[in-house]
Amino acid sequence: MVLMFCGASGIHRESRFCCSRRAVKMLTELSAWKSARTIIFPNLLTPANWLRAFEPFCVEPKLQKRAENEQAMITNPAGSLLFIADAAPAEIWVYQIGSDGSLTAATGSPFSTGSLVPGGLAIDGLGKYLYVTQNFSDNTGEEIGAYAIGTTGSLTLVSGSPFLFPMGQVQGEPTGKYLIGTTGNAQAVSGVDLDQLYVFSIGTTGALTQVATTTTVNSPFRIAVQPNSTGNLVYSFGLNSDATAFNPPEGYQIDASTGALTAVANSPFSNAAIGDWGQFDQSGANLFLLGSVVTQGTNSVTDNIGALAVGSGGALTEPTTGITFATPGFWAVTDPK
């Protein structure tokens, strides 16, 4: 198995996207996960920091403007296709990932998203459909674009798309039946809180129908959905009203029959209020949270990351001390093979 990670070396027209066969930059493993989990962190603007042992494959999609969204670049569940959102001309770049990690542009790439400026990308759990939310500066959106994914990476607009659901972020769950969403509102960012999570059923053509709404304790700024085949947990994260602290993560269980979300025992988890952006590893047993802290006056940014163990029934514990990134930026988690 080839471990892929991709990063951008620029954000303007001459941007290059590169993928290493093993990793871009590996941080020290958290002590409780040594030899079991690796955090991979790309410094998007300084490719000189990449591991020299593995020459990256680079492509030049000539992005007009990289979307400012943590989900602006994703792969399908099979790890065979890479999708990149280009905000300025409203396009999606698609690349086939070779067995050696090489990238080949899909026929027809880039694909126009029309009037929808792409920000966040998501794929259903079966890898059949790509969903696109908008690139609004306050983390919110007005509609969801939907595209059927061809075997070689071609994108075909789903009938009825875009769907007029004002989601700032969506994520698929493992069965491919549902899409979980949040408006992405937070008082400190968009000026309003909206304490709800939304569930959409995915039709046979990829069309979306809202089937459930769940009231949350706090406004979910971002979400993470358990990716493993037996996973059925959703977690939401957020900021307090004046952005001085992170809200405790909230955990919910998905009903496979109806899509309804039910809060897990002891949620929200006050012992785990360490960030507002979460990612699972492939096993679904470990949840990593990023907390970005801006120092007033200097506007310097400090990125801290912590690891949470997902226990029986969805309980969260923090078994080890987090770490601070030397250089702020986007990141990803993988189980080394």
C-alpha atoms as a PDB file:
ATOM      1  CA  MET A   1       0.000   0.000   0.000  1.00  0.00           C
ATOM      2  CA  VAL A   2       1.292   3.459  -0.931  1.00  0.00           C
ATOM      3  CA  LEU A   3       0.676   6.168   1.638  1.00  0.00           C
ATOM      4  CA  MET A   4      -0.330   9.360  -0.140  1.00  0.00           C
ATOM      5  CA  PHE A   5      -0.290  12.923   1.064  1.00  0.00           C
ATOM      6  CA  CYS A   6      -0.694  16.010  -1.057  1.00  0.00           C
ATOM      7  CA  GLY A   7      -0.029  19.689  -0.492  1.00  0.00           C
ATOM      8  CA  ALA A   8       0.024  22.960  -2.375  1.00  0.00           C
ATOM      9  CA  SER A   9       3.188  24.932  -2.964  1.00  0.00           C
ATOM     10  CA  GLY A  10       1.365  28.142  -3.834  1.00  0.00           C
ATOM     11  CA  ILE A  11      -2.048  29.771  -3.825  1.00  0.00           C
ATOM     12  CA  HIS A  12      -1.940  31.835  -7.006  1.00  0.00           C
ATOM     13  CA  ARG A  13      -2.062  31.067 -10.695  1.00  0.00           C
ATOM     14  CA  GLU A  14       1.214  29.178 -10.805  1.00  0.00           C
ATOM     15  CA  SER A  15       0.354  26.878  -7.892  1.00  0.00           C
ATOM     16  CA  ARG A  16       1.682  23.339  -7.935  1.00  0.00           C
ATOM     17  CA  PHE A  17       0.190  20.352  -6.146  1.00  0.00           C
ATOM     18  CA  CYS A  18       2.580  17.634  -5.110  1.00  0.00           C
ATOM     19  CA  CYS A  19       2.190  14.203  -3.574  1.00  0.00           C
ATOM     20  CA  SER A  20       4.852  12.173  -1.809  1.00  0.00           C
ATOM     21  CA  ARG A  21       4.879   8.395  -1.962  1.00  0.00           C
ATOM     22  CA  ARG A  22       5.109   8.177   1.777  1.00  0.00           C
ATOM     23  CA  ALA A  23       4.532  11.526   3.415  1.00  0.00           C
ATOM     24  CA  VAL A  24       5.205  15.206   3.204  1.00  0.00           C
ATOM     25  CA  LYS A  25       6.361  15.907   6.694  1.00  0.00           C
ATOM     26  CA  MET A  26       5.949  13.610   9.680  1.00  0.00           C
ATOM     27  CA  LEU A  27       5.658  15.008  13.132  1.00  0.00           C
ATOM     28  CA  THR A  28       6.642  13.203  16.291  1.00  0.00           C
ATOM     29  CA  GLU A  29       3.974  10.655  17.148  1.00  0.00           C
ATOM     30  CA  LEU A  30       1.972  11.369  20.259  1.00  0.00           C
ATOM     31  CA  SER A  31       3.433   9.153  22.975  1.00  0.00           C
ATOM     32  CA  ALA A  32       0.364   6.971  23.443  1.00  0.00           C
ATOM     33  CA  TRP A  33       0.232   6.284  19.704  1.00  0.00           C
ATOM     34  CA  LYS A  34       3.915   5.634  19.043  1.00  0.00           C
ATOM     35  CA  SER A  35       4.362   3.175  16.164  1.00  0.00           C
ATOM     36  CA  ALA A  36       0.597   3.008  15.835  1.00  0.00           C
ATOM     37  CA  ARG A  37      -0.532   6.361  14.467  1.00  0.00           C
ATOM     38  CA  THR A  38       1.249   9.027  12.481  1.00  0.00           C
ATOM     39  CA  ILE A  39       0.174  12.624  12.040  1.00  0.00           C
ATOM     40  CA  ILE A  40       1.118  14.105   8.711  1.00  0.00           C
ATOM     41  CA  PHE A  41       1.339  17.855   8.356  1.00  0.00           C
ATOM     42  CA  PRO A  42       1.982  19.683   5.091  1.00  0.00           C
ATOM     43  CA  ASN A  43       3.485  23.135   5.131  1.00  0.00           C
ATOM     44  CA  LEU A  44       1.517  24.305   2.125  1.00  0.00           C
ATOM     45  CA  LEU A  45       3.841  27.129   1.142  1.00  0.00           C
ATOM     46  CA  THR A  46       7.330  25.712   1.717  1.00  0.00           C
ATOM     47  CA  PRO A  47       7.912  22.420  -0.131  1.00  0.00           C
ATOM     48  CA  ALA A  48      11.535  22.513   1.034  1.00  0.00           C
ATOM     49  CA  ASN A  49      10.236  21.018   4.289  1.00  0.00           C
ATOM     50  CA  TRP A  50       9.184  17.804   2.577  1.00  0.00           C
ATOM     51  CA  LEU A  51      10.999  14.604   3.435  1.00  0.00           C
ATOM     52  CA  ARG A  52      13.975  14.322   1.123  1.00  0.00           C
ATOM     53  CA  ALA A  53      13.828  10.520   1.109  1.00  0.00           C
ATOM     54  CA  PHE A  54      10.795  10.547  -1.165  1.00  0.00           C
ATOM     55  CA  GLU A  55      10.669  12.679  -4.279  1.00  0.00           C
ATOM     56  CA  PRO A  56       7.171  14.127  -4.716  1.00  0.00           C
ATOM     57  CA  PHE A  57       5.093  13.873  -7.851  1.00  0.00           C
ATOM     58  CA  CYS A  58       4.013  17.371  -8.871  1.00  0.00           C
ATOM     59  CA  VAL A  59       1.297  18.611 -11.161  1.00  0.00           C
ATOM     60  CA  GLU A  60       0.479  22.159 -12.191  1.00  0.00           C
ATOM     61  CA  PRO A  61      -3.270  22.783 -12.223  1.00  0.00           C
ATOM     62  CA  LYS A  62      -2.574  26.567 -12.338  1.00  0.00           C
ATOM     63  CA  LEU A  63      -5.068  27.372  -9.617  1.00  0.00           C
ATOM     64  CA  GLN A  64      -6.461  30.884  -9.681  1.00  0.00           C
ATOM     65  CA  LYS A  65      -7.243  30.784  -5.953  1.00  0.00           C
ATOM     66  CA  ARG A  66      -6.990  27.865  -3.562  1.00  0.00           C
ATOM     67  CA  ALA A  67     -10.183  27.540  -1.515  1.00  0.00           C
ATOM     68  CA  GLU A  68      -9.651  28.535   2.119  1.00  0.00           C
ATOM     69  CA  ASN A  69     -11.254  25.399   3.513  1.00  0.00           C
ATOM     70  CA  GLU A  70      -9.813  22.357   5.282  1.00  0.00           C
ATOM     71  CA  GLN A  71     -11.792  20.116   2.908  1.00  0.00           C
ATOM     72  CA  ALA A  72     -10.613  21.823  -0.272  1.00  0.00           C
ATOM     73  CA  MET A  73      -8.540  18.760  -1.213  1.00  0.00           C
ATOM     74  CA  ILE A  74      -9.763  15.204  -0.591  1.00  0.00           C
ATOM     75  CA  THR A  75      -9.471  11.671  -1.958  1.00  0.00           C
ATOM     76  CA  ASN A  76     -12.192   9.123  -2.599  1.00  0.00           C
ATOM     77  CA  PRO A  77     -12.571   6.235  -0.104  1.00  0.00           C
ATOM     78  CA  ALA A  78     -10.593   3.897  -2.365  1.00  0.00           C
ATOM     79  CA  GLY A  79      -7.674   6.331  -2.478  1.00  0.00           C
ATOM     80  CA  SER A  80      -7.608   6.222  -6.266  1.00  0.00           C
ATOM     81  CA  LEU A  81      -8.769   9.770  -7.058  1.00  0.00           C
ATOM     82  CA  LEU A  82      -7.725  13.211  -5.805  1.00  0.00           C
ATOM     83  CA  PHE A  83     -10.114  16.195  -5.917  1.00  0.00           C
ATOM     84  CA  ILE A  84      -9.007  19.846  -5.541  1.00  0.00           C
ATOM     85  CA  ALA A  85     -11.293  22.887  -5.279  1.00  0.00           C
ATOM     86  CA  ASP A  86     -10.247  25.976  -7.269  1.00  0.00           C
ATOM     87  CA  ALA A  87     -12.243  28.929  -5.953  1.00  0.00           C
ATOM     88  CA  ALA A  88     -11.546  31.763  -8.423  1.00  0.00           C
ATOM     89  CA  PRO A  89     -12.729  30.221 -11.727  1.00  0.00           C
ATOM     90  CA  ALA A  90     -15.095  27.837  -9.839  1.00  0.00           C
ATOM     91  CA  GLU A  91     -13.580  24.534 -10.909  1.00  0.00           C
ATOM     92  CA  ILE A  92     -12.746  21.092  -9.518  1.00  0.00           C
ATOM     93  CA  TRP A  93      -9.454  19.502 -10.551  1.00  0.00           C
ATOM     94  CA  VAL A  94      -9.443  15.700 -10.569  1.00  0.00           C
ATOM     95  CA  TYR A  95      -6.395  13.414 -10.673  1.00  0.00           C
ATOM     96  CA  GLN A  96      -6.043   9.653 -10.851  1.00  0.00           C
ATOM     97  CA  ILE A  97      -3.615   8.323  -8.214  1.00  0.00           C
ATOM     98  CA  GLY A  98      -1.323   5.627  -9.557  1.00  0.00           C
ATOM     99  CA  SER A  99      -0.069   2.622  -7.598  1.00  0.00           C
ATOM    100  CA  ASP A 100       3.270   4.400  -7.202  1.00  0.00           C
ATOM    101  CA  GLY A 101       1.605   7.641  -6.089  1.00  0.00           C
ATOM    102  CA  SER A 102       1.862   9.353  -9.460  1.00  0.00           C
ATOM    103  CA  LEU A 103      -0.904  11.768 -10.505  1.00  0.00           C
ATOM    104  CA  THR A 104      -2.614  11.802 -13.895  1.00  0.00           C
ATOM    105  CA  ALA A 105      -5.237  14.397 -14.754  1.00  0.00           C
ATOM    106  CA  ALA A 106      -8.659  12.891 -15.360  1.00  0.00           C
ATOM    107  CA  THR A 107     -10.047  13.425 -18.840  1.00  0.00           C
ATOM    108  CA  GLY A 108     -12.017  16.675 -18.859  1.00  0.00           C
ATOM    109  CA  SER A 109     -10.374  18.076 -15.714  1.00  0.00           C
ATOM    110  CA  PRO A 110     -10.871  20.761 -14.469  1.00  0.00           C
ATOM    111  CA  PHE A 111     -14.655  20.580 -14.220  1.00  0.00           C
ATOM    112  CA  SER A 112     -16.665  23.793 -13.903  1.00  0.00           C
ATOM    113  CA  THR A 113     -18.995  24.255 -10.925  1.00  0.00           C
ATOM    114  CA  GLY A 114     -20.788  27.170 -12.567  1.00  0.00           C
ATOM    115  CA  SER A 115     -21.969  29.886 -10.185  1.00  0.00           C
ATOM    116  CA  LEU A 116     -21.140  27.796  -7.120  1.00  0.00           C
ATOM    117  CA  VAL A 117     -17.698  28.823  -5.829  1.00  0.00           C
ATOM    118  CA  PRO A 118     -16.248  25.565  -4.437  1.00  0.00           C
ATOM    119  CA  GLY A 119     -14.858  25.517  -0.913  1.00  0.00           C
ATOM    120  CA  GLY A 120     -15.437  22.267   0.954  1.00  0.00           C
ATOM    121  CA  LEU A 121     -15.544  18.870  -0.763  1.00  0.00           C
ATOM    122  CA  ALA A 122     -17.103  15.643   0.491  1.00  0.00           C
ATOM    123  CA  ILE A 123     -17.696  12.163  -0.918  1.00  0.00           C
ATOM    124  CA  ASP A 124     -20.328   9.632   0.068  1.00  0.00           C
ATOM    125  CA  GLY A 125     -19.131   6.514   1.864  1.00  0.00           C
ATOM    126  CA  LEU A 126     -19.232   4.410  -1.300  1.00  0.00           C
ATOM    127  CA  GLY A 127     -17.279   6.873  -3.415  1.00  0.00           C
ATOM    128  CA  LYS A 128     -20.045   7.407  -5.972  1.00  0.00           C
ATOM    129  CA  TYR A 129     -20.785  11.123  -5.571  1.00  0.00           C
ATOM    130  CA  LEU A 130     -18.840  14.323  -4.923  1.00  0.00           C
ATOM    131  CA  TYR A 131     -20.577  17.069  -2.922  1.00  0.00           C
ATOM    132  CA  VAL A 132     -19.408  20.679  -2.956  1.00  0.00           C
ATOM    133  CA  THR A 133     -20.122  23.467  -0.476  1.00  0.00           C
ATOM    134  CA  GLN A 134     -19.319  27.121  -1.046  1.00  0.00           C
ATOM    135  CA  ASN A 135     -16.231  29.158  -0.240  1.00  0.00           C
ATOM    136  CA  PHE A 136     -17.735  31.852   2.005  1.00  0.00           C
ATOM    137  CA  SER A 137     -15.321  33.671   4.305  1.00  0.00           C
ATOM    138  CA  ASP A 138     -17.554  33.172   7.362  1.00  0.00           C
ATOM    139  CA  ASN A 139     -17.522  29.341   7.027  1.00  0.00           C
ATOM    140  CA  THR A 140     -21.125  29.182   5.766  1.00  0.00           C
ATOM    141  CA  GLY A 141     -22.787  28.342   2.442  1.00  0.00           C
ATOM    142  CA  GLU A 142     -26.077  28.566   0.564  1.00  0.00           C
ATOM    143  CA  GLU A 143     -26.280  25.384  -1.490  1.00  0.00           C
ATOM    144  CA  ILE A 144     -24.700  21.987  -2.174  1.00  0.00           C
ATOM    145  CA  GLY A 145     -23.438  20.962  -5.577  1.00  0.00           C
ATOM    146  CA  ALA A 146     -23.567  17.254  -6.442  1.00  0.00           C
ATOM    147  CA  TYR A 147     -21.651  15.292  -9.089  1.00  0.00           C
ATOM    148  CA  ALA A 148     -21.563  11.653 -10.090  1.00  0.00           C
ATOM    149  CA  ILE A 149     -17.993  10.340 -10.130  1.00  0.00           C
ATOM    150  CA  GLY A 150     -17.008   8.230 -13.129  1.00  0.00           C
ATOM    151  CA  THR A 151     -14.611   5.311 -12.837  1.00  0.00           C
ATOM    152  CA  THR A 152     -11.766   7.410 -14.250  1.00  0.00           C
ATOM    153  CA  GLY A 153     -12.671  10.548 -12.292  1.00  0.00           C
ATOM    154  CA  SER A 154     -15.042  12.327 -14.640  1.00  0.00           C
ATOM    155  CA  LEU A 155     -17.683  14.504 -12.959  1.00  0.00           C
ATOM    156  CA  THR A 156     -21.284  14.667 -14.168  1.00  0.00           C
ATOM    157  CA  LEU A 157     -23.770  17.086 -12.621  1.00  0.00           C
ATOM    158  CA  VAL A 158     -26.485  15.273 -10.648  1.00  0.00           C
ATOM    159  CA  SER A 159     -30.034  16.106 -11.747  1.00  0.00           C
ATOM    160  CA  GLY A 160     -31.467  18.817  -9.489  1.00  0.00           C
ATOM    161  CA  SER A 161     -28.044  20.109  -8.413  1.00  0.00           C
ATOM    162  CA  PRO A 162     -27.272  22.438  -6.775  1.00  0.00           C
ATOM    163  CA  PHE A 163     -29.517  21.617  -3.827  1.00  0.00           C
ATOM    164  CA  LEU A 164     -30.677  24.648  -1.844  1.00  0.00           C
ATOM    165  CA  PHE A 165     -29.495  23.547   1.579  1.00  0.00           C
ATOM    166  CA  PRO A 166     -27.379  26.254   3.293  1.00  0.00           C
ATOM    167  CA  MET A 167     -24.562  24.024   4.508  1.00  0.00           C
ATOM    168  CA  GLY A 168     -21.057  25.211   5.309  1.00  0.00           C
ATOM    169  CA  GLN A 169     -19.703  21.655   5.638  1.00  0.00           C
ATOM    170  CA  VAL A 170     -20.974  18.168   4.807  1.00  0.00           C
ATOM    171  CA  GLN A 171     -19.483  14.712   5.263  1.00  0.00           C
ATOM    172  CA  GLY A 172     -20.518  11.251   4.133  1.00  0.00           C
ATOM    173  CA  GLU A 173     -20.878   8.252   6.430  1.00  0.00           C
ATOM    174  CA  PRO A 174     -19.609   4.721   5.662  1.00  0.00           C
ATOM    175  CA  THR A 175     -22.810   3.153   4.269  1.00  0.00           C
ATOM    176  CA  GLY A 176     -23.206   5.750   1.528  1.00  0.00           C
ATOM    177  CA  LYS A 177     -26.841   6.318   2.531  1.00  0.00           C
ATOM    178  CA  TYR A 178     -26.492   9.667   4.282  1.00  0.00           C
ATOM    179  CA  LEU A 179     -24.712  12.995   4.223  1.00  0.00           C
ATOM    180  CA  ILE A 180     -24.284  14.844   7.530  1.00  0.00           C
ATOM    181  CA  GLY A 181     -24.151  18.643   7.452  1.00  0.00           C
ATOM    182  CA  THR A 182     -23.756  21.826   9.455  1.00  0.00           C
ATOM    183  CA  THR A 183     -24.375  25.412   8.424  1.00  0.00           C
ATOM    184  CA  GLY A 184     -20.959  26.206   9.917  1.00  0.00           C
ATOM    185  CA  ASN A 185     -22.263  29.144  11.895  1.00  0.00           C
ATOM    186  CA  ALA A 186     -20.523  30.486  14.992  1.00  0.00           C
ATOM    187  CA  GLN A 187     -21.276  33.753  16.750  1.00  0.00           C
ATOM    188  CA  ALA A 188     -17.609  34.679  16.759  1.00  0.00           C
ATOM    189  CA  VAL A 189     -17.259  34.193  12.981  1.00  0.00           C
ATOM    190  CA  SER A 190     -20.595  34.580  11.188  1.00  0.00           C
ATOM    191  CA  GLY A 191     -22.334  36.653  13.866  1.00  0.00           C
ATOM    192  CA  VAL A 192     -24.939  34.035  14.735  1.00  0.00           C
ATOM    193  CA  ASP A 193     -25.162  30.599  16.332  1.00  0.00           C
ATOM    194  CA  LEU A 194     -27.331  27.850  14.850  1.00  0.00           C
ATOM    195  CA  ASP A 195     -27.509  24.838  17.162  1.00  0.00           C
ATOM    196  CA  GLN A 196     -28.425  22.136  14.660  1.00  0.00           C
ATOM    197  CA  LEU A 197     -27.035  19.236  12.645  1.00  0.00           C
ATOM    198  CA  TYR A 198     -28.711  18.079   9.449  1.00  0.00           C
ATOM    199  CA  VAL A 199     -28.985  14.677   7.799  1.00  0.00           C
ATOM    200  CA  PHE A 200     -29.650  14.167   4.092  1.00  0.00           C
ATOM    201  CA  SER A 201     -30.465  10.893   2.393  1.00  0.00           C
ATOM    202  CA  ILE A 202     -28.567  10.155  -0.812  1.00  0.00           C
ATOM    203  CA  GLY A 203     -30.838   8.949  -3.591  1.00  0.00           C
ATOM    204  CA  THR A 204     -29.984   6.432  -6.283  1.00  0.00           C
ATOM    205  CA  THR A 205     -28.891   9.285  -8.583  1.00  0.00           C
ATOM    206  CA  GLY A 206     -27.025  11.217  -5.882  1.00  0.00           C
ATOM    207  CA  ALA A 207     -29.872  13.664  -5.211  1.00  0.00           C
ATOM    208  CA  LEU A 208     -30.206  14.915  -1.637  1.00  0.00           C
ATOM    209  CA  THR A 209     -33.316  14.909   0.545  1.00  0.00           C
ATOM    210  CA  GLN A 210     -33.303  16.269   4.088  1.00  0.00           C
ATOM    211  CA  VAL A 211     -34.509  13.513   6.419  1.00  0.00           C
ATOM    212  CA  ALA A 212     -33.537  14.621   9.928  1.00  0.00           C
ATOM    213  CA  THR A 213     -32.542  17.629  12.012  1.00  0.00           C
ATOM    214  CA  THR A 214     -30.949  17.355  15.437  1.00  0.00           C
ATOM    215  CA  THR A 215     -30.708  20.155  17.993  1.00  0.00           C
ATOM    216  CA  THR A 216     -27.217  20.457  19.428  1.00  0.00           C
ATOM    217  CA  VAL A 217     -26.047  21.978  22.696  1.00  0.00           C
ATOM    218  CA  ASN A 218     -23.717  24.422  20.914  1.00  0.00           C
ATOM    219  CA  SER A 219     -23.503  25.660  17.349  1.00  0.00           C
ATOM    220  CA  PRO A 220     -21.469  23.116  15.317  1.00  0.00           C
ATOM    221  CA  PHE A 221     -18.726  25.058  13.546  1.00  0.00           C
ATOM    222  CA  ARG A 222     -17.232  21.882  12.071  1.00  0.00           C
ATOM    223  CA  ILE A 223     -17.946  18.145  12.153  1.00  0.00           C
ATOM    224  CA  ALA A 224     -16.154  14.801  11.794  1.00  0.00           C
ATOM    225  CA  VAL A 225     -17.821  11.527  10.812  1.00  0.00           C
ATOM    226  CA  GLN A 226     -16.385   8.116  11.694  1.00  0.00           C
ATOM    227  CA  PRO A 227     -15.028   6.650   8.428  1.00  0.00           C
ATOM    228  CA  ASN A 228     -14.551   2.940   9.191  1.00  0.00           C
ATOM    229  CA  SER A 229     -16.989   0.374   7.786  1.00  0.00           C
ATOM    230  CA  THR A 230     -18.742  -0.170  11.127  1.00  0.00           C
ATOM    231  CA  GLY A 231     -18.551   3.478  12.177  1.00  0.00           C
ATOM    232  CA  ASN A 232     -21.762   5.257  13.165  1.00  0.00           C
ATOM    233  CA  LEU A 233     -20.544   8.283  15.135  1.00  0.00           C
ATOM    234  CA  VAL A 234     -20.632  12.000  14.355  1.00  0.00           C
ATOM    235  CA  TYR A 235     -18.836  14.657  16.402  1.00  0.00           C
ATOM    236  CA  SER A 236     -19.308  18.416  16.278  1.00  0.00           C
ATOM    237  CA  PHE A 237     -16.883  21.121  17.388  1.00  0.00           C
ATOM    238  CA  GLY A 238     -17.076  24.858  17.881  1.00  0.00           C
ATOM    239  CA  LEU A 239     -16.113  28.146  19.508  1.00  0.00           C
ATOM    240  CA  ASN A 240     -17.716  30.084  22.316  1.00  0.00           C
ATOM    241  CA  SER A 241     -19.428  33.380  21.484  1.00  0.00           C
ATOM    242  CA  ASP A 242     -16.347  35.590  21.864  1.00  0.00           C
ATOM    243  CA  ALA A 243     -13.815  33.088  20.462  1.00  0.00           C
ATOM    244  CA  THR A 244     -11.898  32.845  23.731  1.00  0.00           C
ATOM    245  CA  ALA A 245     -12.347  29.095  24.165  1.00  0.00           C
ATOM    246  CA  PHE A 246     -13.400  25.932  22.336  1.00  0.00           C
ATOM    247  CA  ASN A 247     -16.767  24.385  23.068  1.00  0.00           C
ATOM    248  CA  PRO A 248     -16.765  20.770  24.297  1.00  0.00           C
ATOM    249  CA  PRO A 249     -17.122  18.245  21.445  1.00  0.00           C
ATOM    250  CA  GLU A 250     -20.550  16.696  21.075  1.00  0.00           C
ATOM    251  CA  GLY A 251     -21.061  13.093  19.992  1.00  0.00           C
ATOM    252  CA  TYR A 252     -24.012  11.596  18.117  1.00  0.00           C
ATOM    253  CA  GLN A 253     -24.889   8.133  16.838  1.00  0.00           C
ATOM    254  CA  ILE A 254     -26.432   7.662  13.392  1.00  0.00           C
ATOM    255  CA  ASP A 255     -29.485   5.430  13.037  1.00  0.00           C
ATOM    256  CA  ALA A 256     -28.736   3.361   9.926  1.00  0.00           C
ATOM    257  CA  SER A 257     -32.436   2.972   9.122  1.00  0.00           C
ATOM    258  CA  THR A 258     -33.630   6.570   9.449  1.00  0.00           C
ATOM    259  CA  GLY A 259     -30.525   8.721   9.584  1.00  0.00           C
ATOM    260  CA  ALA A 260     -31.633  10.212  12.898  1.00  0.00           C
ATOM    261  CA  LEU A 261     -28.888  11.375  15.254  1.00  0.00           C
ATOM    262  CA  THR A 262     -28.983  10.541  18.963  1.00  0.00           C
ATOM    263  CA  ALA A 263     -26.605  12.075  21.487  1.00  0.00           C
ATOM    264  CA  VAL A 264     -24.188   9.564  23.015  1.00  0.00           C
ATOM    265  CA  ALA A 265     -23.891   9.225  26.792  1.00  0.00           C
ATOM    266  CA  ASN A 266     -22.082  12.056  28.610  1.00  0.00           C
ATOM    267  CA  SER A 267     -22.017  14.321  25.554  1.00  0.00           C
ATOM    268  CA  PRO A 268     -20.810  17.120  25.405  1.00  0.00           C
ATOM    269  CA  PHE A 269     -17.349  16.027  26.546  1.00  0.00           C
ATOM    270  CA  SER A 270     -15.965  18.840  28.699  1.00  0.00           C
ATOM    271  CA  ASN A 271     -12.706  16.917  29.138  1.00  0.00           C
ATOM    272  CA  ALA A 272     -11.965  17.209  25.411  1.00  0.00           C
ATOM    273  CA  ALA A 273     -12.512  20.895  24.578  1.00  0.00           C
ATOM    274  CA  ILE A 274      -9.178  21.273  22.792  1.00  0.00           C
ATOM    275  CA  GLY A 275     -10.042  22.337  19.229  1.00  0.00           C
ATOM    276  CA  ASP A 276     -12.620  23.152  16.569  1.00  0.00           C
ATOM    277  CA  TRP A 277     -11.448  21.043  13.627  1.00  0.00           C
ATOM    278  CA  GLY A 278     -11.422  17.248  13.921  1.00  0.00           C
ATOM    279  CA  GLN A 279     -10.193  14.360  11.790  1.00  0.00           C
ATOM    280  CA  PHE A 280     -10.444  10.609  12.315  1.00  0.00           C
ATOM    281  CA  ASP A 281      -7.807   8.092  11.371  1.00  0.00           C
ATOM    282  CA  GLN A 282      -8.942   5.265   9.100  1.00  0.00           C
ATOM    283  CA  SER A 283      -9.760   2.944  11.979  1.00  0.00           C
ATOM    284  CA  GLY A 284     -12.303   5.362  13.453  1.00  0.00           C
ATOM    285  CA  ALA A 285     -10.825   4.689  16.897  1.00  0.00           C
ATOM    286  CA  ASN A 286      -8.809   7.902  17.171  1.00  0.00           C
ATOM    287  CA  LEU A 287      -9.983  11.474  16.718  1.00  0.00           C
ATOM    288  CA  PHE A 288      -7.477  14.304  16.337  1.00  0.00           C
ATOM    289  CA  LEU A 289      -8.458  17.906  17.107  1.00  0.00           C
ATOM    290  CA  LEU A 290      -6.727  21.062  15.931  1.00  0.00           C
ATOM    291  CA  GLY A 291      -6.948  24.251  17.965  1.00  0.00           C
ATOM    292  CA  SER A 292      -5.638  27.426  16.309  1.00  0.00           C
ATOM    293  CA  VAL A 293      -4.920  30.266  18.728  1.00  0.00           C
ATOM    294  CA  VAL A 294      -4.339  33.812  17.472  1.00  0.00           C
ATOM    295  CA  THR A 295      -2.317  36.114  19.730  1.00  0.00           C
ATOM    296  CA  GLN A 296      -3.867  39.566  19.840  1.00  0.00           C
ATOM    297  CA  GLY A 297      -1.527  42.383  18.944  1.00  0.00           C
ATOM    298  CA  THR A 298       0.922  40.278  16.939  1.00  0.00           C
ATOM    299  CA  ASN A 299      -1.733  38.206  15.117  1.00  0.00           C
ATOM    300  CA  SER A 300       0.624  35.251  15.331  1.00  0.00           C
ATOM    301  CA  VAL A 301      -1.031  31.841  15.003  1.00  0.00           C
ATOM    302  CA  THR A 302      -0.259  28.800  17.126  1.00  0.00           C
ATOM    303  CA  ASP A 303      -1.650  25.426  16.050  1.00  0.00           C
ATOM    304  CA  ASN A 304      -2.049  22.822  18.781  1.00  0.00           C
ATOM    305  CA  ILE A 305      -3.170  19.279  18.074  1.00  0.00           C
ATOM    306  CA  GLY A 306      -4.429  16.688  20.511  1.00  0.00           C
ATOM    307  CA  ALA A 307      -5.457  13.041  20.208  1.00  0.00           C
ATOM    308  CA  LEU A 308      -8.716  11.656  21.568  1.00  0.00           C
ATOM    309  CA  ALA A 309      -9.483   7.978  21.994  1.00  0.00           C
ATOM    310  CA  VAL A 310     -13.016   6.975  20.975  1.00  0.00           C
ATOM    311  CA  GLY A 311     -14.288   4.505  23.538  1.00  0.00           C
ATOM    312  CA  SER A 312     -17.303   2.278  23.900  1.00  0.00           C
ATOM    313  CA  GLY A 313     -20.504   4.117  23.076  1.00  0.00           C
ATOM    314  CA  GLY A 314     -18.620   7.082  21.649  1.00  0.00           C
ATOM    315  CA  ALA A 315     -17.024   8.376  24.862  1.00  0.00           C
ATOM    316  CA  LEU A 316     -13.967  10.585  24.347  1.00  0.00           C
ATOM    317  CA  THR A 317     -10.825  10.592  26.470  1.00  0.00           C
ATOM    318  CA  GLU A 318      -7.497  12.359  25.999  1.00  0.00           C
ATOM    319  CA  PRO A 319      -4.834   9.816  26.977  1.00  0.00           C
ATOM    320  CA  THR A 320      -1.809  11.935  26.137  1.00  0.00           C
ATOM    321  CA  THR A 321      -0.615  15.515  25.994  1.00  0.00           C
ATOM    322  CA  GLY A 322      -1.029  17.338  22.699  1.00  0.00           C
ATOM    323  CA  ILE A 323       1.725  18.926  20.633  1.00  0.00           C
ATOM    324  CA  THR A 324       2.291  22.296  18.941  1.00  0.00           C
ATOM    325  CA  PHE A 325       3.002  22.505  15.223  1.00  0.00           C
ATOM    326  CA  ALA A 326       6.211  24.295  14.330  1.00  0.00           C
ATOM    327  CA  THR A 327       4.464  25.789  11.293  1.00  0.00           C
ATOM    328  CA  PRO A 328       0.688  26.416  11.110  1.00  0.00           C
ATOM    329  CA  GLY A 329      -1.254  24.931   8.211  1.00  0.00           C
ATOM    330  CA  PHE A 330      -3.512  22.122   7.025  1.00  0.00           C
ATOM    331  CA  TRP A 331      -2.783  18.521   7.968  1.00  0.00           C
ATOM    332  CA  ALA A 332      -4.070  14.968   7.675  1.00  0.00           C
ATOM    333  CA  VAL A 333      -3.952  11.746   9.686  1.00  0.00           C
ATOM    334  CA  THR A 334      -3.229   8.240   8.494  1.00  0.00           C
ATOM    335  CA  ASP A 335      -2.564   4.781   9.906  1.00  0.00           C
ATOM    336  CA  PRO A 336       0.862   3.749   8.591  1.00  0.00           C
ATOM    337  CA  LYS A 337       0.976   0.524   6.614  1.00  0.00           C
END
